[in-house]
């Protein structure tokens, strides 16, 4: 192998390594941003409970509960909450369910603060709507009771409850993959849905990054 060929290969290897390093750094930044957005939502939710808790403790007579009540009179709680709500939507709060919490994080920042963030969120909404629409079309195409489901591990996927005797030859159509079955409940996806999940994730990463900024 000539030195020129060796140098070219080394350059390509360095470029590939640099590209992977940038991708890794971007992923870490996005995960950090998402974590901080989540913590901010938790903080807002907790601070909003201060006044109701004070109202509940106001008439208590025990020394311990009185001490709790007086500690909640710290004016800094209100100041911090005011600063948060200057940017974060009033109805943003902790909710159960990974998809619900994802929605809270996506729309945490008020509109018209960052134009590019607003555009990214519209894109995300359109992708989610397209996913729901595609699954509805598949349900009509195959005349099966398919519905849109979501999990943190799989993202959006298709789920349906049906007896296997209702399926052609007792099997799902060939376009569906990653099929799991629990009793009469099937969970599965498709190549198109996997691609749309990837687009959804990319849109989410942009939203988290811009929300944190």
C-alpha atoms as a PDB file:
ATOM      1  CA  UNK A   1       0.000   0.000   0.000  1.00  0.00           C
ATOM      2  CA  UNK A   2       1.400   3.405  -1.004  1.00  0.00           C
ATOM      3  CA  UNK A   3       1.848   6.188   1.541  1.00  0.00           C
ATOM      4  CA  UNK A   4      -0.654   8.349  -0.356  1.00  0.00           C
ATOM      5  CA  UNK A   5      -3.338   5.655  -0.075  1.00  0.00           C
ATOM      6  CA  UNK A   6      -2.555   5.170   3.614  1.00  0.00           C
ATOM      7  CA  UNK A   7      -2.831   8.919   4.282  1.00  0.00           C
ATOM      8  CA  UNK A   8      -6.179   9.087   2.452  1.00  0.00           C
ATOM      9  CA  UNK A   9      -7.537   6.223   4.543  1.00  0.00           C
ATOM     10  CA  UNK A  10      -6.289   7.872   7.724  1.00  0.00           C
ATOM     11  CA  UNK A  11      -7.982  11.146   6.736  1.00  0.00           C
ATOM     12  CA  UNK A  12     -11.267   9.350   6.074  1.00  0.00           C
ATOM     13  CA  UNK A  13     -11.014   7.557   9.415  1.00  0.00           C
ATOM     14  CA  UNK A  14     -10.404  10.864  11.215  1.00  0.00           C
ATOM     15  CA  UNK A  15     -13.358  12.466   9.432  1.00  0.00           C
ATOM     16  CA  UNK A  16     -15.625   9.558  10.374  1.00  0.00           C
ATOM     17  CA  UNK A  17     -14.443   9.685  13.988  1.00  0.00           C
ATOM     18  CA  UNK A  18     -14.985  13.448  14.129  1.00  0.00           C
ATOM     19  CA  UNK A  19     -18.501  13.056  12.699  1.00  0.00           C
ATOM     20  CA  UNK A  20     -19.369  10.353  15.253  1.00  0.00           C
ATOM     21  CA  UNK A  21     -17.968  12.522  18.039  1.00  0.00           C
ATOM     22  CA  UNK A  22     -20.162  15.456  16.983  1.00  0.00           C
ATOM     23  CA  UNK A  23     -23.218  13.184  16.799  1.00  0.00           C
ATOM     24  CA  UNK A  24     -22.464  11.813  20.266  1.00  0.00           C
ATOM     25  CA  UNK A  25     -22.021  15.339  21.669  1.00  0.00           C
ATOM     26  CA  UNK A  26     -25.335  16.410  20.105  1.00  0.00           C
ATOM     27  CA  UNK A  27     -27.163  13.431  21.643  1.00  0.00           C
ATOM     28  CA  UNK A  28     -25.695  14.210  25.091  1.00  0.00           C
ATOM     29  CA  UNK A  29     -26.709  17.876  24.758  1.00  0.00           C
ATOM     30  CA  UNK A  30     -30.258  16.921  23.814  1.00  0.00           C
ATOM     31  CA  UNK A  31     -30.567  14.432  26.692  1.00  0.00           C
ATOM     32  CA  UNK A  32     -29.263  17.091  29.092  1.00  0.00           C
ATOM     33  CA  UNK A  33     -31.753  19.603  27.713  1.00  0.00           C
ATOM     34  CA  UNK A  34     -34.648  17.150  28.081  1.00  0.00           C
ATOM     35  CA  UNK A  35     -33.643  16.351  31.659  1.00  0.00           C
ATOM     36  CA  UNK A  36     -33.512  20.025  32.610  1.00  0.00           C
ATOM     37  CA  UNK A  37     -36.887  20.719  30.982  1.00  0.00           C
ATOM     38  CA  UNK A  38     -38.363  17.812  32.954  1.00  0.00           C
ATOM     39  CA  UNK A  39     -36.857  19.124  36.200  1.00  0.00           C
ATOM     40  CA  UNK A  40     -38.243  22.591  35.497  1.00  0.00           C
ATOM     41  CA  UNK A  41     -41.736  21.141  35.003  1.00  0.00           C
ATOM     42  CA  UNK A  42     -41.397  19.236  38.292  1.00  0.00           C
ATOM     43  CA  UNK A  43     -40.297  22.429  40.039  1.00  0.00           C
ATOM     44  CA  UNK A  44     -43.194  24.444  38.633  1.00  0.00           C
ATOM     45  CA  UNK A  45     -45.655  21.722  39.629  1.00  0.00           C
ATOM     46  CA  UNK A  46     -44.235  21.641  43.172  1.00  0.00           C
ATOM     47  CA  UNK A  47     -44.262  25.429  43.596  1.00  0.00           C
ATOM     48  CA  UNK A  48     -47.891  25.568  42.481  1.00  0.00           C
ATOM     49  CA  UNK A  49     -48.734  23.301  45.422  1.00  0.00           C
ATOM     50  CA  UNK A  50     -47.321  25.730  47.998  1.00  0.00           C
ATOM     51  CA  UNK A  51     -50.442  27.899  48.306  1.00  0.00           C
ATOM     52  CA  UNK A  52     -52.912  24.955  48.544  1.00  0.00           C
ATOM     53  CA  UNK A  53     -50.666  23.350  51.146  1.00  0.00           C
ATOM     54  CA  UNK A  54     -50.498  26.599  53.142  1.00  0.00           C
ATOM     55  CA  UNK A  55     -54.300  26.799  53.062  1.00  0.00           C
ATOM     56  CA  UNK A  56     -54.533  23.235  54.387  1.00  0.00           C
ATOM     57  CA  UNK A  57     -52.039  23.915  57.206  1.00  0.00           C
ATOM     58  CA  UNK A  58     -53.299  27.374  58.192  1.00  0.00           C
ATOM     59  CA  UNK A  59     -55.702  26.149  60.888  1.00  0.00           C
ATOM     60  CA  UNK A  60     -53.431  23.419  62.281  1.00  0.00           C
ATOM     61  CA  UNK A  61     -52.451  23.739  65.949  1.00  0.00           C
ATOM     62  CA  UNK A  62     -49.596  21.254  66.331  1.00  0.00           C
ATOM     63  CA  UNK A  63     -46.147  22.832  66.562  1.00  0.00           C
ATOM     64  CA  UNK A  64     -44.691  20.713  63.757  1.00  0.00           C
ATOM     65  CA  UNK A  65     -47.441  21.613  61.252  1.00  0.00           C
ATOM     66  CA  UNK A  66     -47.232  25.268  62.315  1.00  0.00           C
ATOM     67  CA  UNK A  67     -43.503  25.165  61.568  1.00  0.00           C
ATOM     68  CA  UNK A  68     -44.245  23.737  58.127  1.00  0.00           C
ATOM     69  CA  UNK A  69     -46.788  26.483  57.502  1.00  0.00           C
ATOM     70  CA  UNK A  70     -44.334  29.245  58.443  1.00  0.00           C
ATOM     71  CA  UNK A  71     -41.618  27.736  56.238  1.00  0.00           C
ATOM     72  CA  UNK A  72     -44.017  27.906  53.285  1.00  0.00           C
ATOM     73  CA  UNK A  73     -44.451  31.652  53.818  1.00  0.00           C
ATOM     74  CA  UNK A  74     -41.008  32.216  52.307  1.00  0.00           C
ATOM     75  CA  UNK A  75     -41.593  34.794  49.541  1.00  0.00           C
ATOM     76  CA  UNK A  76     -38.908  33.218  47.364  1.00  0.00           C
ATOM     77  CA  UNK A  77     -41.322  30.456  46.374  1.00  0.00           C
ATOM     78  CA  UNK A  78     -43.578  32.994  44.671  1.00  0.00           C
ATOM     79  CA  UNK A  79     -40.674  34.861  43.080  1.00  0.00           C
ATOM     80  CA  UNK A  80     -39.270  31.682  41.539  1.00  0.00           C
ATOM     81  CA  UNK A  81     -42.700  30.623  40.264  1.00  0.00           C
ATOM     82  CA  UNK A  82     -43.262  34.052  38.731  1.00  0.00           C
ATOM     83  CA  UNK A  83     -39.966  33.827  36.837  1.00  0.00           C
ATOM     84  CA  UNK A  84     -40.842  30.333  35.586  1.00  0.00           C
ATOM     85  CA  UNK A  85     -44.344  31.267  34.418  1.00  0.00           C
ATOM     86  CA  UNK A  86     -42.953  34.219  32.476  1.00  0.00           C
ATOM     87  CA  UNK A  87     -41.684  31.648  29.955  1.00  0.00           C
ATOM     88  CA  UNK A  88     -43.449  28.354  30.740  1.00  0.00           C
ATOM     89  CA  UNK A  89     -47.117  27.807  29.872  1.00  0.00           C
ATOM     90  CA  UNK A  90     -49.523  28.091  32.784  1.00  0.00           C
ATOM     91  CA  UNK A  91     -51.047  24.654  32.127  1.00  0.00           C
ATOM     92  CA  UNK A  92     -47.671  22.882  31.938  1.00  0.00           C
ATOM     93  CA  UNK A  93     -47.349  20.423  34.813  1.00  0.00           C
ATOM     94  CA  UNK A  94     -46.341  16.899  35.721  1.00  0.00           C
ATOM     95  CA  UNK A  95     -48.709  14.293  34.270  1.00  0.00           C
ATOM     96  CA  UNK A  96     -48.806  10.505  34.327  1.00  0.00           C
ATOM     97  CA  UNK A  97     -48.043   8.591  31.143  1.00  0.00           C
ATOM     98  CA  UNK A  98     -44.884   8.900  29.035  1.00  0.00           C
ATOM     99  CA  UNK A  99     -46.736  10.304  26.011  1.00  0.00           C
ATOM    100  CA  UNK A 100     -48.572  12.885  28.131  1.00  0.00           C
ATOM    101  CA  UNK A 101     -45.308  13.948  29.742  1.00  0.00           C
ATOM    102  CA  UNK A 102     -43.629  14.157  26.360  1.00  0.00           C
ATOM    103  CA  UNK A 103     -46.384  16.522  25.226  1.00  0.00           C
ATOM    104  CA  UNK A 104     -45.888  18.664  28.340  1.00  0.00           C
ATOM    105  CA  UNK A 105     -42.175  18.981  27.561  1.00  0.00           C
ATOM    106  CA  UNK A 106     -42.769  19.789  23.893  1.00  0.00           C
ATOM    107  CA  UNK A 107     -45.178  22.622  24.625  1.00  0.00           C
ATOM    108  CA  UNK A 108     -43.647  23.824  27.900  1.00  0.00           C
ATOM    109  CA  UNK A 109     -42.398  27.136  26.507  1.00  0.00           C
ATOM    110  CA  UNK A 110     -45.040  29.701  25.629  1.00  0.00           C
ATOM    111  CA  UNK A 111     -45.630  30.397  21.913  1.00  0.00           C
ATOM    112  CA  UNK A 112     -44.130  33.431  20.150  1.00  0.00           C
ATOM    113  CA  UNK A 113     -40.963  33.371  22.260  1.00  0.00           C
ATOM    114  CA  UNK A 114     -38.885  31.441  19.720  1.00  0.00           C
ATOM    115  CA  UNK A 115     -40.140  31.367  16.125  1.00  0.00           C
ATOM    116  CA  UNK A 116     -38.038  28.322  15.222  1.00  0.00           C
ATOM    117  CA  UNK A 117     -39.328  26.444  18.248  1.00  0.00           C
ATOM    118  CA  UNK A 118     -42.910  27.151  17.173  1.00  0.00           C
ATOM    119  CA  UNK A 119     -42.129  25.812  13.688  1.00  0.00           C
ATOM    120  CA  UNK A 120     -40.500  22.667  15.124  1.00  0.00           C
ATOM    121  CA  UNK A 121     -43.533  22.029  17.320  1.00  0.00           C
ATOM    122  CA  UNK A 122     -45.909  22.392  14.371  1.00  0.00           C
ATOM    123  CA  UNK A 123     -43.760  19.893  12.471  1.00  0.00           C
ATOM    124  CA  UNK A 124     -43.917  17.458  15.396  1.00  0.00           C
ATOM    125  CA  UNK A 125     -47.714  17.814  15.612  1.00  0.00           C
ATOM    126  CA  UNK A 126     -48.060  17.162  11.886  1.00  0.00           C
ATOM    127  CA  UNK A 127     -45.944  14.006  12.136  1.00  0.00           C
ATOM    128  CA  UNK A 128     -48.020  12.685  15.052  1.00  0.00           C
ATOM    129  CA  UNK A 129     -51.208  13.442  13.116  1.00  0.00           C
ATOM    130  CA  UNK A 130     -49.779  11.678  10.050  1.00  0.00           C
ATOM    131  CA  UNK A 131     -48.988   8.606  12.166  1.00  0.00           C
ATOM    132  CA  UNK A 132     -52.548   8.465  13.492  1.00  0.00           C
ATOM    133  CA  UNK A 133     -53.921   8.968   9.979  1.00  0.00           C
ATOM    134  CA  UNK A 134     -51.731   6.226   8.509  1.00  0.00           C
ATOM    135  CA  UNK A 135     -52.855   3.721  11.152  1.00  0.00           C
ATOM    136  CA  UNK A 136     -56.490   4.645  10.510  1.00  0.00           C
ATOM    137  CA  UNK A 137     -55.958   3.982   6.788  1.00  0.00           C
ATOM    138  CA  UNK A 138     -54.331   0.621   7.536  1.00  0.00           C
ATOM    139  CA  UNK A 139     -57.282  -0.327   9.742  1.00  0.00           C
ATOM    140  CA  UNK A 140     -59.658   0.495   6.882  1.00  0.00           C
ATOM    141  CA  UNK A 141     -57.470  -1.257   4.312  1.00  0.00           C
ATOM    142  CA  UNK A 142     -57.402  -4.548   6.205  1.00  0.00           C
ATOM    143  CA  UNK A 143     -60.732  -4.116   7.999  1.00  0.00           C
ATOM    144  CA  UNK A 144     -59.077  -4.710  11.371  1.00  0.00           C
ATOM    145  CA  UNK A 145     -59.559  -2.817  14.687  1.00  0.00           C
ATOM    146  CA  UNK A 146     -56.097  -1.203  14.721  1.00  0.00           C
ATOM    147  CA  UNK A 147     -55.367   1.675  17.055  1.00  0.00           C
ATOM    148  CA  UNK A 148     -52.408   3.957  17.722  1.00  0.00           C
ATOM    149  CA  UNK A 149     -50.394   3.079  20.826  1.00  0.00           C
ATOM    150  CA  UNK A 150     -47.239   4.495  22.369  1.00  0.00           C
ATOM    151  CA  UNK A 151     -44.487   3.391  24.729  1.00  0.00           C
ATOM    152  CA  UNK A 152     -41.192   4.990  25.679  1.00  0.00           C
ATOM    153  CA  UNK A 153     -39.313   1.949  24.369  1.00  0.00           C
ATOM    154  CA  UNK A 154     -41.099   1.506  21.019  1.00  0.00           C
ATOM    155  CA  UNK A 155     -42.404   4.960  20.278  1.00  0.00           C
ATOM    156  CA  UNK A 156     -45.626   4.865  18.278  1.00  0.00           C
ATOM    157  CA  UNK A 157     -46.814   1.418  17.263  1.00  0.00           C
ATOM    158  CA  UNK A 158     -50.003  -0.379  16.267  1.00  0.00           C
ATOM    159  CA  UNK A 159     -52.102  -2.397  18.635  1.00  0.00           C
ATOM    160  CA  UNK A 160     -55.319  -4.334  18.263  1.00  0.00           C
ATOM    161  CA  UNK A 161     -57.368  -6.897  20.126  1.00  0.00           C
ATOM    162  CA  UNK A 162     -58.776  -9.568  17.856  1.00  0.00           C
ATOM    163  CA  UNK A 163     -59.163 -13.338  17.729  1.00  0.00           C
ATOM    164  CA  UNK A 164     -56.603 -14.936  15.428  1.00  0.00           C
ATOM    165  CA  UNK A 165     -59.451 -16.627  13.550  1.00  0.00           C
ATOM    166  CA  UNK A 166     -60.400 -13.179  12.210  1.00  0.00           C
ATOM    167  CA  UNK A 167     -56.993 -12.880  10.488  1.00  0.00           C
ATOM    168  CA  UNK A 168     -56.297 -14.277   7.004  1.00  0.00           C
ATOM    169  CA  UNK A 169     -54.682 -17.681   7.614  1.00  0.00           C
ATOM    170  CA  UNK A 170     -54.443 -16.693  11.263  1.00  0.00           C
ATOM    171  CA  UNK A 171     -51.626 -14.237  10.517  1.00  0.00           C
ATOM    172  CA  UNK A 172     -51.146 -10.491  10.148  1.00  0.00           C
ATOM    173  CA  UNK A 173     -50.446  -9.066   6.665  1.00  0.00           C
ATOM    174  CA  UNK A 174     -46.812  -9.346   5.597  1.00  0.00           C
ATOM    175  CA  UNK A 175     -46.094  -5.594   5.774  1.00  0.00           C
ATOM    176  CA  UNK A 176     -46.229  -5.704   9.567  1.00  0.00           C
ATOM    177  CA  UNK A 177     -43.120  -6.498  11.597  1.00  0.00           C
ATOM    178  CA  UNK A 178     -41.915  -6.803  15.209  1.00  0.00           C
ATOM    179  CA  UNK A 179     -45.131  -8.603  16.110  1.00  0.00           C
ATOM    180  CA  UNK A 180     -45.816  -9.518  19.716  1.00  0.00           C
ATOM    181  CA  UNK A 181     -48.962 -11.178  21.035  1.00  0.00           C
ATOM    182  CA  UNK A 182     -50.419 -11.360  24.519  1.00  0.00           C
ATOM    183  CA  UNK A 183     -53.640 -13.331  24.642  1.00  0.00           C
ATOM    184  CA  UNK A 184     -55.721 -11.703  21.873  1.00  0.00           C
ATOM    185  CA  UNK A 185     -53.817  -8.409  21.819  1.00  0.00           C
ATOM    186  CA  UNK A 186     -51.340  -7.879  18.983  1.00  0.00           C
ATOM    187  CA  UNK A 187     -48.640  -5.207  18.979  1.00  0.00           C
ATOM    188  CA  UNK A 188     -46.681  -4.505  15.808  1.00  0.00           C
ATOM    189  CA  UNK A 189     -45.263  -1.884  13.467  1.00  0.00           C
ATOM    190  CA  UNK A 190     -44.364  -1.383   9.803  1.00  0.00           C
ATOM    191  CA  UNK A 191     -41.442  -0.020   7.805  1.00  0.00           C
ATOM    192  CA  UNK A 192     -43.294   3.247   7.157  1.00  0.00           C
ATOM    193  CA  UNK A 193     -44.188   3.645  10.819  1.00  0.00           C
ATOM    194  CA  UNK A 194     -40.571   3.056  11.846  1.00  0.00           C
ATOM    195  CA  UNK A 195     -39.473   5.840   9.475  1.00  0.00           C
ATOM    196  CA  UNK A 196     -42.129   8.181  10.836  1.00  0.00           C
ATOM    197  CA  UNK A 197     -41.004   7.413  14.386  1.00  0.00           C
ATOM    198  CA  UNK A 198     -37.469   8.385  13.376  1.00  0.00           C
ATOM    199  CA  UNK A 199     -38.759  11.685  11.972  1.00  0.00           C
ATOM    200  CA  UNK A 200     -40.714  12.199  15.163  1.00  0.00           C
ATOM    201  CA  UNK A 201     -37.624  11.618  17.296  1.00  0.00           C
ATOM    202  CA  UNK A 202     -35.561  14.029  15.215  1.00  0.00           C
ATOM    203  CA  UNK A 203     -38.260  16.681  15.582  1.00  0.00           C
ATOM    204  CA  UNK A 204     -38.331  16.073  19.350  1.00  0.00           C
ATOM    205  CA  UNK A 205     -34.571  16.501  19.607  1.00  0.00           C
ATOM    206  CA  UNK A 206     -34.822  19.873  17.881  1.00  0.00           C
ATOM    207  CA  UNK A 207     -37.657  20.939  20.188  1.00  0.00           C
ATOM    208  CA  UNK A 208     -35.795  19.955  23.362  1.00  0.00           C
ATOM    209  CA  UNK A 209     -32.632  21.674  22.185  1.00  0.00           C
ATOM    210  CA  UNK A 210     -34.414  24.945  21.335  1.00  0.00           C
ATOM    211  CA  UNK A 211     -36.584  24.822  24.465  1.00  0.00           C
ATOM    212  CA  UNK A 212     -33.452  24.568  26.601  1.00  0.00           C
ATOM    213  CA  UNK A 213     -31.823  27.466  24.752  1.00  0.00           C
END
